[in-house]
Amino acid sequence: MPASRPEMFPKAIASGADVVCVDLEDATATQDKDALRVDAISLACSNDNPRVESVLRINGLRTREGLLDLAAIAAKQRVPDGILIPKVKSAEEIRIIRELIGPMHPGLGLHVQIETNDGLENAREIAKASHKVKSIVFGGFDMSVGLRVEPGWDSLLYARQRLVHAAASANVDILDMPNFELADPAGVTEETQQALKIGFTGKCAIHPKQVAGISAVFTPSEEDVAQAKGLIAKFEAQDQAFTIIDNTIMEKPVVEQLYRTIALAERIKM
């Protein structure tokens, strides 16, 4: 949601999203950034719903506005749950932010938006730059410009897979770019399903009406959870490292995936 539209914040918090992002970058006009900075930080801190993470998207570290954003955050006693850093090109940017803000706000999470060719090239190093990195966010529209392609699924598949690899290497979440077709919920669901299949753990939404469809794709069904618990119980009741249970090949990687399904379902219920 734009930092210039504070009235949208309660609706966003109540939308069912796991994370709400107050945007000081692309959604805020250049001439308004300085005037909105302090209020945007306060707005992102005003969330009283413990089930929703509140994040502020600052401006890029390589811009005047981004440096002022960091200085303002460092000066605050209370900060949001995290900041989303756009157009990250190198791991050094993450280390600089960590050193500038970390001592004052050790609990502040870093969400990294990769949307340039340099960022794509350095994605794995960026993802592993700090334990404070909580997620990688795919900025597909800017990336498509850098790659000189249309922002379609097939043309950006390579970039998506590179980021999935980087996020998995660092064991952090990886969020797909938003779908801007508000009148095509079926298309949003289909794209979300494709993202899930290649390893994304979430997807950005630009409107509350998209949240339920995206969440449905990433939320394990009760049947999936029950099956996972049943298979794990049967596997742990025997002493073979490799076996077949209920027509399912069971070995360590399969068991780990089943535990992930259960953990995700339990986290969503919290």
C-alpha atoms as a PDB file:
ATOM      1  CA  MET A   1       0.000   0.000   0.000  1.00  0.00           C
ATOM      2  CA  PRO A   2       1.266   3.533  -0.755  1.00  0.00           C
ATOM      3  CA  ALA A   3       2.662   5.519   2.150  1.00  0.00           C
ATOM      4  CA  SER A   4       0.480   8.388   0.913  1.00  0.00           C
ATOM      5  CA  ARG A   5      -2.734   6.440   1.654  1.00  0.00           C
ATOM      6  CA  PRO A   6      -2.701   5.780   5.427  1.00  0.00           C
ATOM      7  CA  GLU A   7      -6.451   5.127   5.411  1.00  0.00           C
ATOM      8  CA  MET A   8      -5.717   1.877   3.556  1.00  0.00           C
ATOM      9  CA  PHE A   9      -3.588   0.470   6.372  1.00  0.00           C
ATOM     10  CA  PRO A  10      -6.381  -0.977   8.576  1.00  0.00           C
ATOM     11  CA  LYS A  11      -7.940  -2.641   5.527  1.00  0.00           C
ATOM     12  CA  ALA A  12      -4.597  -4.127   4.558  1.00  0.00           C
ATOM     13  CA  ILE A  13      -4.001  -5.451   8.083  1.00  0.00           C
ATOM     14  CA  ALA A  14      -7.471  -7.044   8.059  1.00  0.00           C
ATOM     15  CA  SER A  15      -7.049  -8.545   4.562  1.00  0.00           C
ATOM     16  CA  GLY A  16      -5.685 -11.896   5.722  1.00  0.00           C
ATOM     17  CA  ALA A  17      -2.194 -11.211   4.384  1.00  0.00           C
ATOM     18  CA  ASP A  18       0.792 -12.480   6.359  1.00  0.00           C
ATOM     19  CA  VAL A  19       2.751  -9.286   5.680  1.00  0.00           C
ATOM     20  CA  VAL A  20       1.598  -5.732   4.960  1.00  0.00           C
ATOM     21  CA  CYS A  21       4.052  -3.397   3.248  1.00  0.00           C
ATOM     22  CA  VAL A  22       3.896   0.395   3.470  1.00  0.00           C
ATOM     23  CA  ASP A  23       5.607   1.608   0.302  1.00  0.00           C
ATOM     24  CA  LEU A  24       7.866   4.656   0.324  1.00  0.00           C
ATOM     25  CA  GLU A  25       9.479   3.766  -2.998  1.00  0.00           C
ATOM     26  CA  ASP A  26       7.662   3.212  -6.304  1.00  0.00           C
ATOM     27  CA  ALA A  27       4.178   3.914  -4.902  1.00  0.00           C
ATOM     28  CA  THR A  28       5.226   7.305  -3.527  1.00  0.00           C
ATOM     29  CA  ALA A  29       5.904  10.313  -5.760  1.00  0.00           C
ATOM     30  CA  THR A  30       9.466  11.664  -5.571  1.00  0.00           C
ATOM     31  CA  GLN A  31       8.331  15.088  -4.380  1.00  0.00           C
ATOM     32  CA  ASP A  32       6.376  13.502  -1.499  1.00  0.00           C
ATOM     33  CA  LYS A  33       9.005  11.146  -0.082  1.00  0.00           C
ATOM     34  CA  ASP A  34      10.627  13.573   2.350  1.00  0.00           C
ATOM     35  CA  ALA A  35       7.299  14.800   3.707  1.00  0.00           C
ATOM     36  CA  LEU A  36       5.928  11.274   4.164  1.00  0.00           C
ATOM     37  CA  ARG A  37       9.023   9.559   5.580  1.00  0.00           C
ATOM     38  CA  VAL A  38       8.438   9.963   9.318  1.00  0.00           C
ATOM     39  CA  ASP A  39       4.695   9.353   9.088  1.00  0.00           C
ATOM     40  CA  ALA A  40       5.270   6.227   6.984  1.00  0.00           C
ATOM     41  CA  ILE A  41       7.584   4.777   9.628  1.00  0.00           C
ATOM     42  CA  SER A  42       5.030   5.522  12.340  1.00  0.00           C
ATOM     43  CA  LEU A  43       2.230   4.045  10.233  1.00  0.00           C
ATOM     44  CA  ALA A  44       4.131   0.799   9.719  1.00  0.00           C
ATOM     45  CA  CYS A  45       4.675   0.666  13.493  1.00  0.00           C
ATOM     46  CA  SER A  46       0.987   1.114  14.298  1.00  0.00           C
ATOM     47  CA  ASN A  47       0.011  -2.481  13.559  1.00  0.00           C
ATOM     48  CA  ASP A  48      -1.476  -4.158  16.659  1.00  0.00           C
ATOM     49  CA  ASN A  49      -2.283  -7.494  14.999  1.00  0.00           C
ATOM     50  CA  PRO A  50       0.336 -10.065  16.117  1.00  0.00           C
ATOM     51  CA  ARG A  51      -0.584 -12.357  13.209  1.00  0.00           C
ATOM     52  CA  VAL A  52       0.501  -9.782  10.620  1.00  0.00           C
ATOM     53  CA  GLU A  53       4.063  -8.652   9.986  1.00  0.00           C
ATOM     54  CA  SER A  54       4.387  -4.952   9.192  1.00  0.00           C
ATOM     55  CA  VAL A  55       7.118  -3.906   6.759  1.00  0.00           C
ATOM     56  CA  LEU A  56       8.255  -0.575   5.324  1.00  0.00           C
ATOM     57  CA  ARG A  57       9.608  -0.508   1.783  1.00  0.00           C
ATOM     58  CA  ILE A  58      12.347   2.095   1.817  1.00  0.00           C
ATOM     59  CA  ASN A  59      14.061   3.603  -1.191  1.00  0.00           C
ATOM     60  CA  GLY A  60      17.161   2.006  -2.660  1.00  0.00           C
ATOM     61  CA  LEU A  61      20.393   2.346  -0.729  1.00  0.00           C
ATOM     62  CA  ARG A  62      22.053   3.953  -3.751  1.00  0.00           C
ATOM     63  CA  THR A  63      19.691   6.950  -3.625  1.00  0.00           C
ATOM     64  CA  ARG A  64      19.528  10.074  -1.489  1.00  0.00           C
ATOM     65  CA  GLU A  65      16.024   9.139  -0.357  1.00  0.00           C
ATOM     66  CA  GLY A  66      17.128   5.673   0.681  1.00  0.00           C
ATOM     67  CA  LEU A  67      19.946   6.983   2.857  1.00  0.00           C
ATOM     68  CA  LEU A  68      17.551   9.432   4.510  1.00  0.00           C
ATOM     69  CA  ASP A  69      15.094   6.573   5.089  1.00  0.00           C
ATOM     70  CA  LEU A  70      17.797   4.585   6.891  1.00  0.00           C
ATOM     71  CA  ALA A  71      18.834   7.558   9.000  1.00  0.00           C
ATOM     72  CA  ALA A  72      15.220   8.167  10.027  1.00  0.00           C
ATOM     73  CA  ILE A  73      14.710   4.511  10.961  1.00  0.00           C
ATOM     74  CA  ALA A  74      17.964   4.447  12.948  1.00  0.00           C
ATOM     75  CA  ALA A  75      16.809   7.497  14.927  1.00  0.00           C
ATOM     76  CA  LYS A  76      13.467   5.940  15.890  1.00  0.00           C
ATOM     77  CA  GLN A  77      12.940   4.137  19.171  1.00  0.00           C
ATOM     78  CA  ARG A  78      10.218   1.985  17.652  1.00  0.00           C
ATOM     79  CA  VAL A  79      10.514   0.501  14.162  1.00  0.00           C
ATOM     80  CA  PRO A  80       8.410  -1.847  12.001  1.00  0.00           C
ATOM     81  CA  ASP A  81       8.926  -5.603  12.035  1.00  0.00           C
ATOM     82  CA  GLY A  82      11.054  -5.272   8.941  1.00  0.00           C
ATOM     83  CA  ILE A  83      12.131  -3.198   5.977  1.00  0.00           C
ATOM     84  CA  LEU A  84      11.946  -4.123   2.306  1.00  0.00           C
ATOM     85  CA  ILE A  85      15.020  -2.944   0.426  1.00  0.00           C
ATOM     86  CA  PRO A  86      14.479  -2.476  -3.326  1.00  0.00           C
ATOM     87  CA  LYS A  87      16.928  -2.844  -6.209  1.00  0.00           C
ATOM     88  CA  VAL A  88      19.628  -4.572  -4.178  1.00  0.00           C
ATOM     89  CA  LYS A  89      22.651  -5.257  -6.378  1.00  0.00           C
ATOM     90  CA  SER A  90      25.228  -6.631  -3.950  1.00  0.00           C
ATOM     91  CA  ALA A  91      25.633  -8.269  -0.569  1.00  0.00           C
ATOM     92  CA  GLU A  92      27.578  -5.227   0.613  1.00  0.00           C
ATOM     93  CA  GLU A  93      24.357  -3.207   0.682  1.00  0.00           C
ATOM     94  CA  ILE A  94      22.854  -5.661   3.162  1.00  0.00           C
ATOM     95  CA  ARG A  95      25.956  -5.597   5.323  1.00  0.00           C
ATOM     96  CA  ILE A  96      25.927  -1.782   5.387  1.00  0.00           C
ATOM     97  CA  ILE A  97      22.279  -1.725   6.480  1.00  0.00           C
ATOM     98  CA  ARG A  98      22.970  -4.359   9.120  1.00  0.00           C
ATOM     99  CA  GLU A  99      25.867  -2.339  10.549  1.00  0.00           C
ATOM    100  CA  LEU A 100      23.979   0.962  10.476  1.00  0.00           C
ATOM    101  CA  ILE A 101      20.691  -0.194  11.967  1.00  0.00           C
ATOM    102  CA  GLY A 102      21.418  -3.556  13.595  1.00  0.00           C
ATOM    103  CA  PRO A 103      22.950  -2.256  16.845  1.00  0.00           C
ATOM    104  CA  MET A 104      19.933  -0.012  17.542  1.00  0.00           C
ATOM    105  CA  HIS A 105      17.249  -2.402  16.294  1.00  0.00           C
ATOM    106  CA  PRO A 106      18.488  -6.008  16.520  1.00  0.00           C
ATOM    107  CA  GLY A 107      15.032  -7.442  15.852  1.00  0.00           C
ATOM    108  CA  LEU A 108      14.501  -5.633  12.550  1.00  0.00           C
ATOM    109  CA  GLY A 109      14.083  -8.109   9.689  1.00  0.00           C
ATOM    110  CA  LEU A 110      15.454  -7.454   6.208  1.00  0.00           C
ATOM    111  CA  HIS A 111      13.437  -8.319   3.112  1.00  0.00           C
ATOM    112  CA  VAL A 112      15.477  -8.011  -0.057  1.00  0.00           C
ATOM    113  CA  GLN A 113      13.957  -7.133  -3.421  1.00  0.00           C
ATOM    114  CA  ILE A 114      16.027  -8.324  -6.365  1.00  0.00           C
ATOM    115  CA  GLU A 115      15.055  -6.691  -9.627  1.00  0.00           C
ATOM    116  CA  THR A 116      18.267  -5.947 -11.549  1.00  0.00           C
ATOM    117  CA  ASN A 117      20.744  -7.990 -13.557  1.00  0.00           C
ATOM    118  CA  ASP A 118      23.477  -7.341 -10.985  1.00  0.00           C
ATOM    119  CA  GLY A 119      21.160  -8.443  -8.196  1.00  0.00           C
ATOM    120  CA  LEU A 120      20.302 -11.625 -10.075  1.00  0.00           C
ATOM    121  CA  GLU A 121      23.989 -12.384 -10.639  1.00  0.00           C
ATOM    122  CA  ASN A 122      24.766 -11.902  -6.924  1.00  0.00           C
ATOM    123  CA  ALA A 123      21.519 -13.342  -5.531  1.00  0.00           C
ATOM    124  CA  ARG A 124      23.018 -16.221  -3.576  1.00  0.00           C
ATOM    125  CA  GLU A 125      25.592 -14.014  -1.859  1.00  0.00           C
ATOM    126  CA  ILE A 126      22.913 -11.403  -1.120  1.00  0.00           C
ATOM    127  CA  ALA A 127      20.591 -13.982   0.435  1.00  0.00           C
ATOM    128  CA  LYS A 128      23.387 -15.221   2.709  1.00  0.00           C
ATOM    129  CA  ALA A 129      24.731 -11.755   3.597  1.00  0.00           C
ATOM    130  CA  SER A 130      23.095 -11.650   7.036  1.00  0.00           C
ATOM    131  CA  HIS A 131      20.997 -13.774   9.363  1.00  0.00           C
ATOM    132  CA  LYS A 132      18.613 -10.796   9.419  1.00  0.00           C
ATOM    133  CA  VAL A 133      17.564 -11.494   5.811  1.00  0.00           C
ATOM    134  CA  LYS A 134      14.071 -12.997   6.102  1.00  0.00           C
ATOM    135  CA  SER A 135      13.003 -13.174   2.463  1.00  0.00           C
ATOM    136  CA  ILE A 136      13.925 -12.524  -1.140  1.00  0.00           C
ATOM    137  CA  VAL A 137      11.268 -10.680  -3.156  1.00  0.00           C
ATOM    138  CA  PHE A 138      11.248 -10.990  -6.937  1.00  0.00           C
ATOM    139  CA  GLY A 139      10.860  -7.605  -8.655  1.00  0.00           C
ATOM    140  CA  GLY A 140       9.807  -8.945 -12.012  1.00  0.00           C
ATOM    141  CA  PHE A 141       8.818  -5.779 -13.859  1.00  0.00           C
ATOM    142  CA  ASP A 142      12.122  -4.002 -13.327  1.00  0.00           C
ATOM    143  CA  MET A 143      13.926  -7.276 -13.999  1.00  0.00           C
ATOM    144  CA  SER A 144      12.162  -7.670 -17.332  1.00  0.00           C
ATOM    145  CA  VAL A 145      13.513  -4.291 -18.419  1.00  0.00           C
ATOM    146  CA  GLY A 146      17.052  -5.324 -17.512  1.00  0.00           C
ATOM    147  CA  LEU A 147      16.708  -8.645 -19.299  1.00  0.00           C
ATOM    148  CA  ARG A 148      15.055  -6.946 -22.305  1.00  0.00           C
ATOM    149  CA  VAL A 149      12.018  -9.226 -22.241  1.00  0.00           C
ATOM    150  CA  GLU A 150       8.284  -8.936 -21.651  1.00  0.00           C
ATOM    151  CA  PRO A 151       7.236  -9.534 -18.008  1.00  0.00           C
ATOM    152  CA  GLY A 152       5.572 -12.870 -18.778  1.00  0.00           C
ATOM    153  CA  TRP A 153       5.938 -16.187 -16.966  1.00  0.00           C
ATOM    154  CA  ASP A 154       8.060 -17.944 -19.594  1.00  0.00           C
ATOM    155  CA  SER A 155      10.386 -15.003 -20.234  1.00  0.00           C
ATOM    156  CA  LEU A 156      11.109 -14.573 -16.501  1.00  0.00           C
ATOM    157  CA  LEU A 157      11.279 -18.259 -15.578  1.00  0.00           C
ATOM    158  CA  TYR A 158      15.083 -18.291 -15.589  1.00  0.00           C
ATOM    159  CA  ALA A 159      15.241 -15.325 -13.209  1.00  0.00           C
ATOM    160  CA  ARG A 160      12.657 -16.883 -10.910  1.00  0.00           C
ATOM    161  CA  GLN A 161      14.580 -20.149 -10.732  1.00  0.00           C
ATOM    162  CA  ARG A 162      17.842 -18.373  -9.959  1.00  0.00           C
ATOM    163  CA  LEU A 163      16.182 -16.628  -7.022  1.00  0.00           C
ATOM    164  CA  VAL A 164      14.561 -19.829  -5.770  1.00  0.00           C
ATOM    165  CA  HIS A 165      18.013 -21.415  -5.729  1.00  0.00           C
ATOM    166  CA  ALA A 166      19.491 -18.451  -3.843  1.00  0.00           C
ATOM    167  CA  ALA A 167      16.712 -18.377  -1.246  1.00  0.00           C
ATOM    168  CA  ALA A 168      16.863 -22.129  -0.684  1.00  0.00           C
ATOM    169  CA  SER A 169      20.640 -21.925  -0.199  1.00  0.00           C
ATOM    170  CA  ALA A 170      20.126 -19.359   2.560  1.00  0.00           C
ATOM    171  CA  ASN A 171      16.983 -21.046   3.944  1.00  0.00           C
ATOM    172  CA  VAL A 172      14.876 -17.895   3.611  1.00  0.00           C
ATOM    173  CA  ASP A 173      11.449 -17.304   2.084  1.00  0.00           C
ATOM    174  CA  ILE A 174      11.123 -16.405  -1.586  1.00  0.00           C
ATOM    175  CA  LEU A 175       8.153 -14.279  -2.716  1.00  0.00           C
ATOM    176  CA  ASP A 176       6.965 -14.029  -6.307  1.00  0.00           C
ATOM    177  CA  MET A 177       6.175 -10.724  -8.019  1.00  0.00           C
ATOM    178  CA  PRO A 178       2.575  -9.452  -7.839  1.00  0.00           C
ATOM    179  CA  ASN A 179       0.044  -9.994 -10.589  1.00  0.00           C
ATOM    180  CA  PHE A 180      -1.516  -6.678 -11.616  1.00  0.00           C
ATOM    181  CA  GLU A 181      -4.617  -8.179 -13.267  1.00  0.00           C
ATOM    182  CA  LEU A 182      -7.209  -7.372 -10.605  1.00  0.00           C
ATOM    183  CA  ALA A 183     -10.067  -8.583 -12.799  1.00  0.00           C
ATOM    184  CA  ASP A 184      -8.518 -12.023 -13.385  1.00  0.00           C
ATOM    185  CA  PRO A 185      -8.560 -14.004 -10.112  1.00  0.00           C
ATOM    186  CA  ALA A 186      -8.218 -17.287 -12.004  1.00  0.00           C
ATOM    187  CA  GLY A 187      -5.048 -15.986 -13.626  1.00  0.00           C
ATOM    188  CA  VAL A 188      -3.636 -14.973 -10.245  1.00  0.00           C
ATOM    189  CA  THR A 189      -4.362 -18.442  -8.870  1.00  0.00           C
ATOM    190  CA  GLU A 190      -2.768 -20.153 -11.862  1.00  0.00           C
ATOM    191  CA  GLU A 191       0.364 -18.017 -11.621  1.00  0.00           C
ATOM    192  CA  THR A 192       0.543 -18.661  -7.873  1.00  0.00           C
ATOM    193  CA  GLN A 193       0.321 -22.406  -8.467  1.00  0.00           C
ATOM    194  CA  GLN A 194       3.154 -22.177 -10.972  1.00  0.00           C
ATOM    195  CA  ALA A 195       5.249 -20.236  -8.466  1.00  0.00           C
ATOM    196  CA  LEU A 196       4.622 -22.874  -5.799  1.00  0.00           C
ATOM    197  CA  LYS A 197       5.678 -25.663  -8.161  1.00  0.00           C
ATOM    198  CA  ILE A 198       9.099 -24.147  -8.802  1.00  0.00           C
ATOM    199  CA  GLY A 199       9.865 -23.424  -5.158  1.00  0.00           C
ATOM    200  CA  PHE A 200       8.375 -20.063  -4.155  1.00  0.00           C
ATOM    201  CA  THR A 201       7.052 -19.897  -0.597  1.00  0.00           C
ATOM    202  CA  GLY A 202       4.752 -16.915  -1.117  1.00  0.00           C
ATOM    203  CA  LYS A 203       3.510 -14.303  -3.541  1.00  0.00           C
ATOM    204  CA  CYS A 204       3.003 -10.552  -3.340  1.00  0.00           C
ATOM    205  CA  ALA A 205      -0.496  -9.092  -3.665  1.00  0.00           C
ATOM    206  CA  ILE A 206      -1.427  -5.549  -4.639  1.00  0.00           C
ATOM    207  CA  HIS A 207      -5.069  -5.678  -3.518  1.00  0.00           C
ATOM    208  CA  PRO A 208      -6.928  -7.375  -0.646  1.00  0.00           C
ATOM    209  CA  LYS A 209      -9.083  -9.288  -3.141  1.00  0.00           C
ATOM    210  CA  GLN A 210      -5.988 -11.272  -4.218  1.00  0.00           C
ATOM    211  CA  VAL A 211      -5.000 -12.434  -0.752  1.00  0.00           C
ATOM    212  CA  ALA A 212      -7.442 -15.309  -0.254  1.00  0.00           C
ATOM    213  CA  GLY A 213      -6.605 -16.946  -3.579  1.00  0.00           C
ATOM    214  CA  ILE A 214      -2.863 -16.720  -2.994  1.00  0.00           C
ATOM    215  CA  SER A 215      -3.150 -18.005   0.574  1.00  0.00           C
ATOM    216  CA  ALA A 216      -5.277 -20.955  -0.552  1.00  0.00           C
ATOM    217  CA  VAL A 217      -2.507 -22.116  -2.877  1.00  0.00           C
ATOM    218  CA  PHE A 218       0.250 -21.924  -0.264  1.00  0.00           C
ATOM    219  CA  THR A 219      -1.786 -23.323   2.642  1.00  0.00           C
ATOM    220  CA  PRO A 220      -1.589 -27.122   3.016  1.00  0.00           C
ATOM    221  CA  SER A 221      -5.011 -28.764   3.056  1.00  0.00           C
ATOM    222  CA  GLU A 222      -6.238 -30.685   6.082  1.00  0.00           C
ATOM    223  CA  GLU A 223      -5.964 -33.845   3.999  1.00  0.00           C
ATOM    224  CA  ASP A 224      -2.321 -33.115   3.152  1.00  0.00           C
ATOM    225  CA  VAL A 225      -1.488 -32.497   6.810  1.00  0.00           C
ATOM    226  CA  ALA A 226      -3.272 -35.655   7.977  1.00  0.00           C
ATOM    227  CA  GLN A 227      -1.502 -37.725   5.330  1.00  0.00           C
ATOM    228  CA  ALA A 228       1.876 -36.245   6.285  1.00  0.00           C
ATOM    229  CA  LYS A 229       1.358 -37.006   9.978  1.00  0.00           C
ATOM    230  CA  GLY A 230       0.220 -40.552   9.182  1.00  0.00           C
ATOM    231  CA  LEU A 231       3.205 -41.301   6.952  1.00  0.00           C
ATOM    232  CA  ILE A 232       5.662 -39.882   9.468  1.00  0.00           C
ATOM    233  CA  ALA A 233       4.154 -41.922  12.304  1.00  0.00           C
ATOM    234  CA  LYS A 234       4.401 -45.130  10.288  1.00  0.00           C
ATOM    235  CA  PHE A 235       7.939 -44.348   9.120  1.00  0.00           C
ATOM    236  CA  GLU A 236       9.192 -43.637  12.620  1.00  0.00           C
ATOM    237  CA  ALA A 237       7.554 -46.804  13.938  1.00  0.00           C
ATOM    238  CA  GLN A 238       9.913 -48.943  11.836  1.00  0.00           C
ATOM    239  CA  ASP A 239      13.713 -49.042  11.527  1.00  0.00           C
ATOM    240  CA  GLN A 240      14.374 -48.847   7.788  1.00  0.00           C
ATOM    241  CA  ALA A 241      15.997 -45.746   6.289  1.00  0.00           C
ATOM    242  CA  PHE A 242      14.367 -46.479   2.922  1.00  0.00           C
ATOM    243  CA  THR A 243      10.983 -48.125   2.619  1.00  0.00           C
ATOM    244  CA  ILE A 244       7.573 -47.905   0.955  1.00  0.00           C
ATOM    245  CA  ILE A 245       4.574 -46.960   3.089  1.00  0.00           C
ATOM    246  CA  ASP A 246       1.065 -46.619   1.666  1.00  0.00           C
ATOM    247  CA  ASN A 247       2.522 -46.674  -1.863  1.00  0.00           C
ATOM    248  CA  THR A 248       4.835 -43.764  -0.995  1.00  0.00           C
ATOM    249  CA  ILE A 249       8.600 -44.070  -1.129  1.00  0.00           C
ATOM    250  CA  MET A 250       9.862 -42.985   2.265  1.00  0.00           C
ATOM    251  CA  GLU A 251      13.397 -41.778   2.893  1.00  0.00           C
ATOM    252  CA  LYS A 252      15.025 -38.794   4.622  1.00  0.00           C
ATOM    253  CA  PRO A 253      14.282 -36.086   1.972  1.00  0.00           C
ATOM    254  CA  VAL A 254      10.644 -37.203   1.734  1.00  0.00           C
ATOM    255  CA  VAL A 255      10.249 -37.163   5.517  1.00  0.00           C
ATOM    256  CA  GLU A 256      11.771 -33.668   5.692  1.00  0.00           C
ATOM    257  CA  GLN A 257       9.265 -32.454   3.117  1.00  0.00           C
ATOM    258  CA  LEU A 258       6.399 -33.943   5.129  1.00  0.00           C
ATOM    259  CA  TYR A 259       7.636 -32.179   8.262  1.00  0.00           C
ATOM    260  CA  ARG A 260       7.720 -28.919   6.285  1.00  0.00           C
ATOM    261  CA  THR A 261       4.085 -29.397   5.307  1.00  0.00           C
ATOM    262  CA  ILE A 262       3.084 -29.850   8.950  1.00  0.00           C
ATOM    263  CA  ALA A 263       5.217 -26.907  10.136  1.00  0.00           C
ATOM    264  CA  LEU A 264       3.744 -24.599   7.502  1.00  0.00           C
ATOM    265  CA  ALA A 265       0.200 -25.538   8.453  1.00  0.00           C
ATOM    266  CA  GLU A 266       0.917 -24.955  12.133  1.00  0.00           C
ATOM    267  CA  ARG A 267       2.573 -21.583  11.446  1.00  0.00           C
ATOM    268  CA  ILE A 268      -0.445 -20.433   9.475  1.00  0.00           C
ATOM    269  CA  LYS A 269      -2.771 -21.356  12.357  1.00  0.00           C
ATOM    270  CA  MET A 270      -0.729 -19.352  14.899  1.00  0.00           C
END
